PDB file of N, CA and C in Angstrom:
ATOM      1  N   MET A   1     136.258  53.369 115.932  1.00  0.00           N
ATOM      2  CA  MET A   1     135.049  53.581 115.160  1.00  0.00           C
ATOM      3  C   MET A   1     135.052  54.954 114.551  1.00  0.00           C
ATOM      4  N   LEU A   2     135.511  55.963 115.278  1.00  0.00           N
ATOM      5  CA  LEU A   2     135.585  57.327 114.735  1.00  0.00           C
ATOM      6  C   LEU A   2     136.516  57.334 113.510  1.00  0.00           C
ATOM      7  N   HIS A   3     137.602  56.592 113.602  1.00  0.00           N
ATOM      8  CA  HIS A   3     138.566  56.539 112.496  1.00  0.00           C
ATOM      9  C   HIS A   3     137.880  56.065 111.198  1.00  0.00           C
ATOM     10  N   LEU A   4     137.118  55.009 111.313  1.00  0.00           N
ATOM     11  CA  LEU A   4     136.413  54.490 110.134  1.00  0.00           C
ATOM     12  C   LEU A   4     135.384  55.498 109.630  1.00  0.00           C
ATOM     13  N   ALA A   5     134.681  56.145 110.521  1.00  0.00           N
ATOM     14  CA  ALA A   5     133.689  57.136 110.116  1.00  0.00           C
ATOM     15  C   ALA A   5     134.352  58.288 109.375  1.00  0.00           C
ATOM     16  N   LEU A   6     135.530  58.733 109.823  1.00  0.00           N
ATOM     17  CA  LEU A   6     136.215  59.795 109.157  1.00  0.00           C
ATOM     18  C   LEU A   6     136.638  59.443 107.746  1.00  0.00           C
ATOM     19  N   HIS A   7     136.879  58.170 107.464  1.00  0.00           N
ATOM     20  CA  HIS A   7     137.210  57.739 106.113  1.00  0.00           C
ATOM     21  C   HIS A   7     136.007  57.947 105.150  1.00  0.00           C
ATOM     22  N   PHE A   8     134.848  58.076 105.668  1.00  0.00           N
ATOM     23  CA  PHE A   8     133.644  58.365 104.856  1.00  0.00           C
ATOM     24  C   PHE A   8     133.271  59.843 104.900  1.00  0.00           C
ATOM     25  N   ILE A   9     133.479  60.479 106.029  1.00  0.00           N
ATOM     26  CA  ILE A   9     133.056  61.856 106.207  1.00  0.00           C
ATOM     27  C   ILE A   9     134.001  62.832 105.498  1.00  0.00           C
ATOM     28  N   VAL A  10     135.296  62.713 105.719  1.00  0.00           N
ATOM     29  CA  VAL A  10     136.246  63.678 105.193  1.00  0.00           C
ATOM     30  C   VAL A  10     136.220  63.714 103.654  1.00  0.00           C
ATOM     31  N   PRO A  11     136.239  62.550 102.957  1.00  0.00           N
ATOM     32  CA  PRO A  11     136.136  62.660 101.460  1.00  0.00           C
ATOM     33  C   PRO A  11     134.848  63.303 101.022  1.00  0.00           C
ATOM     34  N   GLY A  12     133.746  63.080 101.801  1.00  0.00           N
ATOM     35  CA  GLY A  12     132.481  63.704 101.463  1.00  0.00           C
ATOM     36  C   GLY A  12     132.569  65.215 101.572  1.00  0.00           C
ATOM     37  N   ILE A  13     133.236  65.708 102.579  1.00  0.00           N
ATOM     38  CA  ILE A  13     133.384  67.168 102.770  1.00  0.00           C
ATOM     39  C   ILE A  13     134.236  67.728 101.661  1.00  0.00           C
ATOM     40  N   VAL A  14     135.366  67.071 101.311  1.00  0.00           N
ATOM     41  CA  VAL A  14     136.231  67.539 100.247  1.00  0.00           C
ATOM     42  C   VAL A  14     135.494  67.544  98.915  1.00  0.00           C
ATOM     43  N   ALA A  15     134.758  66.455  98.600  1.00  0.00           N
ATOM     44  CA  ALA A  15     133.998  66.382  97.415  1.00  0.00           C
ATOM     45  C   ALA A  15     132.910  67.483  97.326  1.00  0.00           C
ATOM     46  N   GLY A  16     132.221  67.699  98.439  1.00  0.00           N
ATOM     47  CA  GLY A  16     131.169  68.710  98.473  1.00  0.00           C
ATOM     48  C   GLY A  16     131.686  70.107  98.308  1.00  0.00           C
ATOM     49  N   LEU A  17     132.812  70.395  98.950  1.00  0.00           N
ATOM     50  CA  LEU A  17     133.353  71.748  98.894  1.00  0.00           C
ATOM     51  C   LEU A  17     134.146  72.025  97.617  1.00  0.00           C
ATOM     52  N   GLY A  18     134.883  71.030  97.166  1.00  0.00           N
ATOM     53  CA  GLY A  18     135.779  71.230  96.024  1.00  0.00           C
ATOM     54  C   GLY A  18     135.194  70.882  94.683  1.00  0.00           C
ATOM     55  N   TYR A  19     134.173  70.067  94.676  1.00  0.00           N
ATOM     56  CA  TYR A  19     133.569  69.635  93.383  1.00  0.00           C
ATOM     57  C   TYR A  19     132.036  69.622  93.532  1.00  0.00           C
ATOM     58  N   ARG A  20     131.566  70.797  93.833  1.00  0.00           N
ATOM     59  CA  ARG A  20     130.118  70.970  94.139  1.00  0.00           C
ATOM     60  C   ARG A  20     129.193  70.426  93.045  1.00  0.00           C
ATOM     61  N   ARG A  21     129.546  70.665  91.777  1.00  0.00           N
ATOM     62  CA  ARG A  21     128.620  70.266  90.700  1.00  0.00           C
ATOM     63  C   ARG A  21     128.620  68.764  90.443  1.00  0.00           C
ATOM     64  N   ARG A  22     129.740  68.122  90.727  1.00  0.00           N
ATOM     65  CA  ARG A  22     129.810  66.668  90.493  1.00  0.00           C
ATOM     66  C   ARG A  22     130.329  65.947  91.745  1.00  0.00           C
ATOM     67  N   TRP A  23     129.825  66.357  92.893  1.00  0.00           N
ATOM     68  CA  TRP A  23     130.315  65.837  94.162  1.00  0.00           C
ATOM     69  C   TRP A  23     130.113  64.319  94.274  1.00  0.00           C
ATOM     70  N   LEU A  24     129.014  63.766  93.797  1.00  0.00           N
ATOM     71  CA  LEU A  24     128.762  62.342  94.033  1.00  0.00           C
ATOM     72  C   LEU A  24     129.766  61.427  93.319  1.00  0.00           C
ATOM     73  N   PRO A  25     130.009  61.598  91.993  1.00  0.00           N
ATOM     74  CA  PRO A  25     131.038  60.710  91.417  1.00  0.00           C
ATOM     75  C   PRO A  25     132.434  60.937  92.000  1.00  0.00           C
ATOM     76  N   VAL A  26     132.739  62.143  92.359  1.00  0.00           N
ATOM     77  CA  VAL A  26     134.031  62.452  93.030  1.00  0.00           C
ATOM     78  C   VAL A  26     134.092  61.721  94.387  1.00  0.00           C
ATOM     79  N   TYR A  27     133.045  61.825  95.135  1.00  0.00           N
ATOM     80  CA  TYR A  27     132.966  61.166  96.454  1.00  0.00           C
ATOM     81  C   TYR A  27     133.111  59.659  96.298  1.00  0.00           C
ATOM     82  N   LEU A  28     132.402  59.075  95.339  1.00  0.00           N
ATOM     83  CA  LEU A  28     132.497  57.645  95.150  1.00  0.00           C
ATOM     84  C   LEU A  28     133.892  57.200  94.695  1.00  0.00           C
ATOM     85  N   ALA A  29     134.552  58.034  93.855  1.00  0.00           N
ATOM     86  CA  ALA A  29     135.918  57.757  93.450  1.00  0.00           C
ATOM     87  C   ALA A  29     136.867  57.782  94.630  1.00  0.00           C
ATOM     88  N   MET A  30     136.681  58.743  95.493  1.00  0.00           N
ATOM     89  CA  MET A  30     137.517  58.820  96.692  1.00  0.00           C
ATOM     90  C   MET A  30     137.250  57.618  97.625  1.00  0.00           C
ATOM     91  N   LEU A  31     136.004  57.225  97.721  1.00  0.00           N
ATOM     92  CA  LEU A  31     135.710  56.022  98.564  1.00  0.00           C
ATOM     93  C   LEU A  31     136.352  54.787  97.930  1.00  0.00           C
ATOM     94  N   ALA A  32     136.413  54.707  96.622  1.00  0.00           N
ATOM     95  CA  ALA A  32     137.004  53.564  95.961  1.00  0.00           C
ATOM     96  C   ALA A  32     138.443  53.401  96.320  1.00  0.00           C
ATOM     97  N   THR A  33     139.111  54.500  96.723  1.00  0.00           N
ATOM     98  CA  THR A  33     140.507  54.401  97.108  1.00  0.00           C
ATOM     99  C   THR A  33     140.708  53.616  98.383  1.00  0.00           C
ATOM    100  N   MET A  34     139.651  53.308  99.102  1.00  0.00           N
ATOM    101  CA  MET A  34     139.771  52.502 100.317  1.00  0.00           C
ATOM    102  C   MET A  34     140.224  51.084 100.003  1.00  0.00           C
ATOM    103  N   VAL A  35     140.222  50.737  98.717  1.00  0.00           N
ATOM    104  CA  VAL A  35     140.718  49.388  98.302  1.00  0.00           C
ATOM    105  C   VAL A  35     142.172  49.284  98.716  1.00  0.00           C
ATOM    106  N   VAL A  36     142.855  50.385  98.955  1.00  0.00           N
ATOM    107  CA  VAL A  36     144.250  50.352  99.439  1.00  0.00           C
ATOM    108  C   VAL A  36     144.401  49.560 100.739  1.00  0.00           C
ATOM    109  N   ASP A  37     143.304  49.434 101.473  1.00  0.00           N
ATOM    110  CA  ASP A  37     143.363  48.712 102.755  1.00  0.00           C
ATOM    111  C   ASP A  37     143.381  47.184 102.549  1.00  0.00           C
ATOM    112  N   LEU A  38     143.314  46.719 101.329  1.00  0.00           N
ATOM    113  CA  LEU A  38     143.442  45.270 101.078  1.00  0.00           C
ATOM    114  C   LEU A  38     144.788  44.770 101.565  1.00  0.00           C
ATOM    115  N   ASP A  39     145.784  45.668 101.614  1.00  0.00           N
ATOM    116  CA  ASP A  39     147.075  45.186 102.125  1.00  0.00           C
ATOM    117  C   ASP A  39     147.044  44.760 103.588  1.00  0.00           C
ATOM    118  N   HIS A  40     145.997  45.109 104.250  1.00  0.00           N
ATOM    119  CA  HIS A  40     145.839  44.678 105.646  1.00  0.00           C
ATOM    120  C   HIS A  40     145.670  43.166 105.709  1.00  0.00           C
ATOM    121  N   LEU A  41     145.161  42.572 104.640  1.00  0.00           N
ATOM    122  CA  LEU A  41     144.962  41.124 104.612  1.00  0.00           C
ATOM    123  C   LEU A  41     146.300  40.352 104.647  1.00  0.00           C
ATOM    124  N   LEU A  42     147.385  41.049 104.388  1.00  0.00           N
ATOM    125  CA  LEU A  42     148.711  40.409 104.411  1.00  0.00           C
ATOM    126  C   LEU A  42     149.272  40.322 105.808  1.00  0.00           C
ATOM    127  N   ALA A  43     148.677  41.023 106.729  1.00  0.00           N
ATOM    128  CA  ALA A  43     149.198  41.095 108.115  1.00  0.00           C
ATOM    129  C   ALA A  43     148.652  39.937 108.966  1.00  0.00           C
ATOM    130  N   ASN A  44     149.370  39.602 110.002  1.00  0.00           N
ATOM    131  CA  ASN A  44     148.935  38.641 110.951  1.00  0.00           C
ATOM    132  C   ASN A  44     149.112  39.195 112.365  1.00  0.00           C
ATOM    133  N   PRO A  45     148.061  39.521 113.060  1.00  0.00           N
ATOM    134  CA  PRO A  45     146.671  39.387 112.722  1.00  0.00           C
ATOM    135  C   PRO A  45     146.233  40.460 111.694  1.00  0.00           C
ATOM    136  N   ILE A  46     145.176  40.168 110.992  1.00  0.00           N
ATOM    137  CA  ILE A  46     144.684  41.121 109.987  1.00  0.00           C
ATOM    138  C   ILE A  46     144.388  42.483 110.598  1.00  0.00           C
ATOM    139  N   TYR A  47     143.744  42.473 111.748  1.00  0.00           N
ATOM    140  CA  TYR A  47     143.387  43.732 112.449  1.00  0.00           C
ATOM    141  C   TYR A  47     144.033  43.714 113.832  1.00  0.00           C
ATOM    142  N   ASP A  48     144.779  44.777 114.107  1.00  0.00           N
ATOM    143  CA  ASP A  48     145.340  44.992 115.428  1.00  0.00           C
ATOM    144  C   ASP A  48     145.104  46.431 115.799  1.00  0.00           C
ATOM    145  N   PRO A  49     144.228  46.723 116.746  1.00  0.00           N
ATOM    146  CA  PRO A  49     143.853  48.110 117.065  1.00  0.00           C
ATOM    147  C   PRO A  49     145.055  48.940 117.578  1.00  0.00           C
ATOM    148  N   ASN A  50     146.129  48.260 117.976  1.00  0.00           N
ATOM    149  CA  ASN A  50     147.268  49.020 118.497  1.00  0.00           C
ATOM    150  C   ASN A  50     148.445  49.134 117.489  1.00  0.00           C
ATOM    151  N   ARG A  51     148.155  48.797 116.226  1.00  0.00           N
ATOM    152  CA  ARG A  51     149.195  48.841 115.203  1.00  0.00           C
ATOM    153  C   ARG A  51     148.998  50.057 114.323  1.00  0.00           C
ATOM    154  N   CYS A  52     150.047  50.743 114.051  1.00  0.00           N
ATOM    155  CA  CYS A  52     150.018  51.889 113.150  1.00  0.00           C
ATOM    156  C   CYS A  52     150.176  51.340 111.701  1.00  0.00           C
ATOM    157  N   SER A  53     149.233  51.605 110.871  1.00  0.00           N
ATOM    158  CA  SER A  53     149.301  51.070 109.510  1.00  0.00           C
ATOM    159  C   SER A  53     150.335  51.780 108.640  1.00  0.00           C
ATOM    160  N   ILE A  54     150.658  53.053 108.947  1.00  0.00           N
ATOM    161  CA  ILE A  54     151.663  53.812 108.201  1.00  0.00           C
ATOM    162  C   ILE A  54     153.054  53.192 108.435  1.00  0.00           C
ATOM    163  N   GLY A  55     153.660  52.753 107.347  1.00  0.00           N
ATOM    164  CA  GLY A  55     154.936  52.119 107.470  1.00  0.00           C
ATOM    165  C   GLY A  55     154.918  50.652 107.717  1.00  0.00           C
ATOM    166  N   PHE A  56     153.752  50.148 108.068  1.00  0.00           N
ATOM    167  CA  PHE A  56     153.680  48.684 108.354  1.00  0.00           C
ATOM    168  C   PHE A  56     153.146  47.913 107.167  1.00  0.00           C
ATOM    169  N   HIS A  57     152.031  48.359 106.599  1.00  0.00           N
ATOM    170  CA  HIS A  57     151.442  47.697 105.454  1.00  0.00           C
ATOM    171  C   HIS A  57     152.112  48.208 104.179  1.00  0.00           C
ATOM    172  N   PRO A  58     152.275  47.314 103.167  1.00  0.00           N
ATOM    173  CA  PRO A  58     153.023  47.702 101.950  1.00  0.00           C
ATOM    174  C   PRO A  58     152.484  48.934 101.233  1.00  0.00           C
ATOM    175  N   LEU A  59     151.161  49.062 101.124  1.00  0.00           N
ATOM    176  CA  LEU A  59     150.579  50.207 100.446  1.00  0.00           C
ATOM    177  C   LEU A  59     150.434  51.455 101.301  1.00  0.00           C
ATOM    178  N   HIS A  60     150.953  51.331 102.542  1.00  0.00           N
ATOM    179  CA  HIS A  60     150.905  52.483 103.464  1.00  0.00           C
ATOM    180  C   HIS A  60     152.319  52.933 103.796  1.00  0.00           C
ATOM    181  N   GLY A  61     153.284  52.608 102.931  1.00  0.00           N
ATOM    182  CA  GLY A  61     154.647  53.007 103.140  1.00  0.00           C
ATOM    183  C   GLY A  61     154.966  54.351 102.508  1.00  0.00           C
ATOM    184  N   MET A  62     156.143  54.866 102.783  1.00  0.00           N
ATOM    185  CA  MET A  62     156.511  56.214 102.313  1.00  0.00           C
ATOM    186  C   MET A  62     156.648  56.294 100.772  1.00  0.00           C
ATOM    187  N   ILE A  63     157.171  55.234 100.146  1.00  0.00           N
ATOM    188  CA  ILE A  63     157.279  55.285  98.683  1.00  0.00           C
ATOM    189  C   ILE A  63     155.896  55.329  97.989  1.00  0.00           C
ATOM    190  N   PRO A  64     154.947  54.411  98.404  1.00  0.00           N
ATOM    191  CA  PRO A  64     153.590  54.551  97.834  1.00  0.00           C
ATOM    192  C   PRO A  64     152.958  55.883  98.144  1.00  0.00           C
ATOM    193  N   ILE A  65     153.167  56.414  99.346  1.00  0.00           N
ATOM    194  CA  ILE A  65     152.562  57.652  99.701  1.00  0.00           C
ATOM    195  C   ILE A  65     153.091  58.814  98.829  1.00  0.00           C
ATOM    196  N   MET A  66     154.350  58.763  98.504  1.00  0.00           N
ATOM    197  CA  MET A  66     154.881  59.761  97.559  1.00  0.00           C
ATOM    198  C   MET A  66     154.224  59.627  96.198  1.00  0.00           C
ATOM    199  N   GLY A  67     153.944  58.386  95.810  1.00  0.00           N
ATOM    200  CA  GLY A  67     153.223  58.175  94.508  1.00  0.00           C
ATOM    201  C   GLY A  67     151.804  58.750  94.574  1.00  0.00           C
ATOM    202  N   TYR A  68     151.154  58.562  95.748  1.00  0.00           N
ATOM    203  CA  TYR A  68     149.793  59.118  95.901  1.00  0.00           C
ATOM    204  C   TYR A  68     149.793  60.636  95.792  1.00  0.00           C
ATOM    205  N   ILE A  69     150.790  61.239  96.387  1.00  0.00           N
ATOM    206  CA  ILE A  69     150.942  62.692  96.308  1.00  0.00           C
ATOM    207  C   ILE A  69     151.160  63.119  94.863  1.00  0.00           C
ATOM    208  N   GLY A  70     152.001  62.301  94.161  1.00  0.00           N
ATOM    209  CA  GLY A  70     152.277  62.600  92.727  1.00  0.00           C
ATOM    210  C   GLY A  70     151.040  62.505  91.880  1.00  0.00           C
ATOM    211  N   LEU A  71     150.076  61.593  92.220  1.00  0.00           N
ATOM    212  CA  LEU A  71     148.840  61.460  91.488  1.00  0.00           C
ATOM    213  C   LEU A  71     148.012  62.767  91.556  1.00  0.00           C
ATOM    214  N   CYS A  72     148.142  63.472  92.623  1.00  0.00           N
ATOM    215  CA  CYS A  72     147.422  64.771  92.791  1.00  0.00           C
ATOM    216  C   CYS A  72     147.810  65.790  91.736  1.00  0.00           C
ATOM    217  N   ALA A  73     148.966  65.644  91.163  1.00  0.00           N
ATOM    218  CA  ALA A  73     149.472  66.595  90.160  1.00  0.00           C
ATOM    219  C   ALA A  73     148.995  66.252  88.733  1.00  0.00           C
ATOM    220  N   LEU A  74     148.451  65.052  88.600  1.00  0.00           N
ATOM    221  CA  LEU A  74     147.984  64.608  87.252  1.00  0.00           C
ATOM    222  C   LEU A  74     146.465  64.767  87.196  1.00  0.00           C
ATOM    223  N   PRO A  75     145.985  65.686  86.328  1.00  0.00           N
ATOM    224  CA  PRO A  75     144.545  65.946  86.251  1.00  0.00           C
ATOM    225  C   PRO A  75     143.666  64.674  86.096  1.00  0.00           C
ATOM    226  N   ARG A  76     144.125  63.731  85.352  1.00  0.00           N
ATOM    227  CA  ARG A  76     143.333  62.543  85.095  1.00  0.00           C
ATOM    228  C   ARG A  76     143.186  61.666  86.357  1.00  0.00           C
ATOM    229  N   PHE A  77     144.162  61.736  87.207  1.00  0.00           N
ATOM    230  CA  PHE A  77     144.166  60.879  88.437  1.00  0.00           C
ATOM    231  C   PHE A  77     144.079  61.657  89.722  1.00  0.00           C
ATOM    232  N   ARG A  78     143.859  62.924  89.610  1.00  0.00           N
ATOM    233  CA  ARG A  78     143.854  63.837  90.782  1.00  0.00           C
ATOM    234  C   ARG A  78     142.861  63.411  91.878  1.00  0.00           C
ATOM    235  N   ILE A  79     141.683  63.021  91.497  1.00  0.00           N
ATOM    236  CA  ILE A  79     140.671  62.642  92.485  1.00  0.00           C
ATOM    237  C   ILE A  79     141.132  61.441  93.279  1.00  0.00           C
ATOM    238  N   PHE A  80     141.688  60.435  92.580  1.00  0.00           N
ATOM    239  CA  PHE A  80     142.192  59.261  93.251  1.00  0.00           C
ATOM    240  C   PHE A  80     143.339  59.614  94.149  1.00  0.00           C
ATOM    241  N   GLY A  81     144.203  60.505  93.646  1.00  0.00           N
ATOM    242  CA  GLY A  81     145.333  61.002  94.497  1.00  0.00           C
ATOM    243  C   GLY A  81     144.843  61.655  95.770  1.00  0.00           C
ATOM    244  N   PHE A  82     143.829  62.508  95.598  1.00  0.00           N
ATOM    245  CA  PHE A  82     143.238  63.170  96.828  1.00  0.00           C
ATOM    246  C   PHE A  82     142.705  62.131  97.760  1.00  0.00           C
ATOM    247  N   GLY A  83     141.978  61.159  97.268  1.00  0.00           N
ATOM    248  CA  GLY A  83     141.375  60.140  98.105  1.00  0.00           C
ATOM    249  C   GLY A  83     142.458  59.375  98.860  1.00  0.00           C
ATOM    250  N   LEU A  84     143.527  59.012  98.137  1.00  0.00           N
ATOM    251  CA  LEU A  84     144.576  58.236  98.786  1.00  0.00           C
ATOM    252  C   LEU A  84     145.334  59.060  99.800  1.00  0.00           C
ATOM    253  N   VAL A  85     145.583  60.297  99.506  1.00  0.00           N
ATOM    254  CA  VAL A  85     146.318  61.179 100.465  1.00  0.00           C
ATOM    255  C   VAL A  85     145.437  61.433 101.700  1.00  0.00           C
ATOM    256  N   ILE A  86     144.160  61.682 101.488  1.00  0.00           N
ATOM    257  CA  ILE A  86     143.252  61.842 102.653  1.00  0.00           C
ATOM    258  C   ILE A  86     143.293  60.572 103.480  1.00  0.00           C
ATOM    259  N   HIS A  87     143.243  59.407 102.879  1.00  0.00           N
ATOM    260  CA  HIS A  87     143.239  58.131 103.566  1.00  0.00           C
ATOM    261  C   HIS A  87     144.524  58.028 104.405  1.00  0.00           C
ATOM    262  N   MET A  88     145.667  58.327 103.819  1.00  0.00           N
ATOM    263  CA  MET A  88     146.945  58.196 104.542  1.00  0.00           C
ATOM    264  C   MET A  88     147.047  59.225 105.669  1.00  0.00           C
ATOM    265  N   LEU A  89     146.546  60.419 105.441  1.00  0.00           N
ATOM    266  CA  LEU A  89     146.558  61.443 106.510  1.00  0.00           C
ATOM    267  C   LEU A  89     145.693  60.992 107.696  1.00  0.00           C
ATOM    268  N   LEU A  90     144.507  60.429 107.377  1.00  0.00           N
ATOM    269  CA  LEU A  90     143.657  59.922 108.471  1.00  0.00           C
ATOM    270  C   LEU A  90     144.307  58.783 109.211  1.00  0.00           C
ATOM    271  N   ASP A  91     144.977  57.894 108.466  1.00  0.00           N
ATOM    272  CA  ASP A  91     145.692  56.763 109.137  1.00  0.00           C
ATOM    273  C   ASP A  91     146.823  57.298 109.961  1.00  0.00           C
ATOM    274  N   ALA A  92     147.537  58.310 109.460  1.00  0.00           N
ATOM    275  CA  ALA A  92     148.623  58.891 110.257  1.00  0.00           C
ATOM    276  C   ALA A  92     148.071  59.593 111.512  1.00  0.00           C
ATOM    277  N   LEU A  93     146.934  60.243 111.375  1.00  0.00           N
ATOM    278  CA  LEU A  93     146.302  60.860 112.539  1.00  0.00           C
ATOM    279  C   LEU A  93     145.963  59.805 113.546  1.00  0.00           C
ATOM    280  N   ASP A  94     145.436  58.689 113.087  1.00  0.00           N
ATOM    281  CA  ASP A  94     145.089  57.578 113.998  1.00  0.00           C
ATOM    282  C   ASP A  94     146.310  57.086 114.711  1.00  0.00           C
ATOM    283  N   CYS A  95     147.452  57.064 114.035  1.00  0.00           N
ATOM    284  CA  CYS A  95     148.719  56.603 114.636  1.00  0.00           C
ATOM    285  C   CYS A  95     149.136  57.562 115.787  1.00  0.00           C
ATOM    286  N   THR A  96     148.967  58.830 115.587  1.00  0.00           N
ATOM    287  CA  THR A  96     149.333  59.791 116.583  1.00  0.00           C
ATOM    288  C   THR A  96     148.382  59.796 117.792  1.00  0.00           C
ATOM    289  N   MET A  97     147.148  59.343 117.533  1.00  0.00           N
ATOM    290  CA  MET A  97     146.166  59.332 118.598  1.00  0.00           C
ATOM    291  C   MET A  97     146.260  58.075 119.480  1.00  0.00           C
ATOM    292  N   MET A  98     147.020  57.062 118.988  1.00  0.00           N
ATOM    293  CA  MET A  98     147.129  55.800 119.759  1.00  0.00           C
ATOM    294  C   MET A  98     147.961  55.985 120.954  1.00  0.00           C
TER     295      MET A  98
END
């Protein structure tokens, strides 16, 4: 439950601190990156509390993660890159806590 809450809290903190004047659209854009979790629907079972999503789900692999990091360098896609990288870092943190 804490893991899910962090997916909402951390982007809010980043948006609030880094984009103070336009924090709400930035926050919503970062939340939109949670669509990356649709790849969980390809797994059987869809949810397994003991499974590490990093490296297991297609959009949580190292090649996509390198792409998410690359998005951070492109001004037009930077916010989405930040959101995706934050998401992957939180998922990786969850993996280490298991």
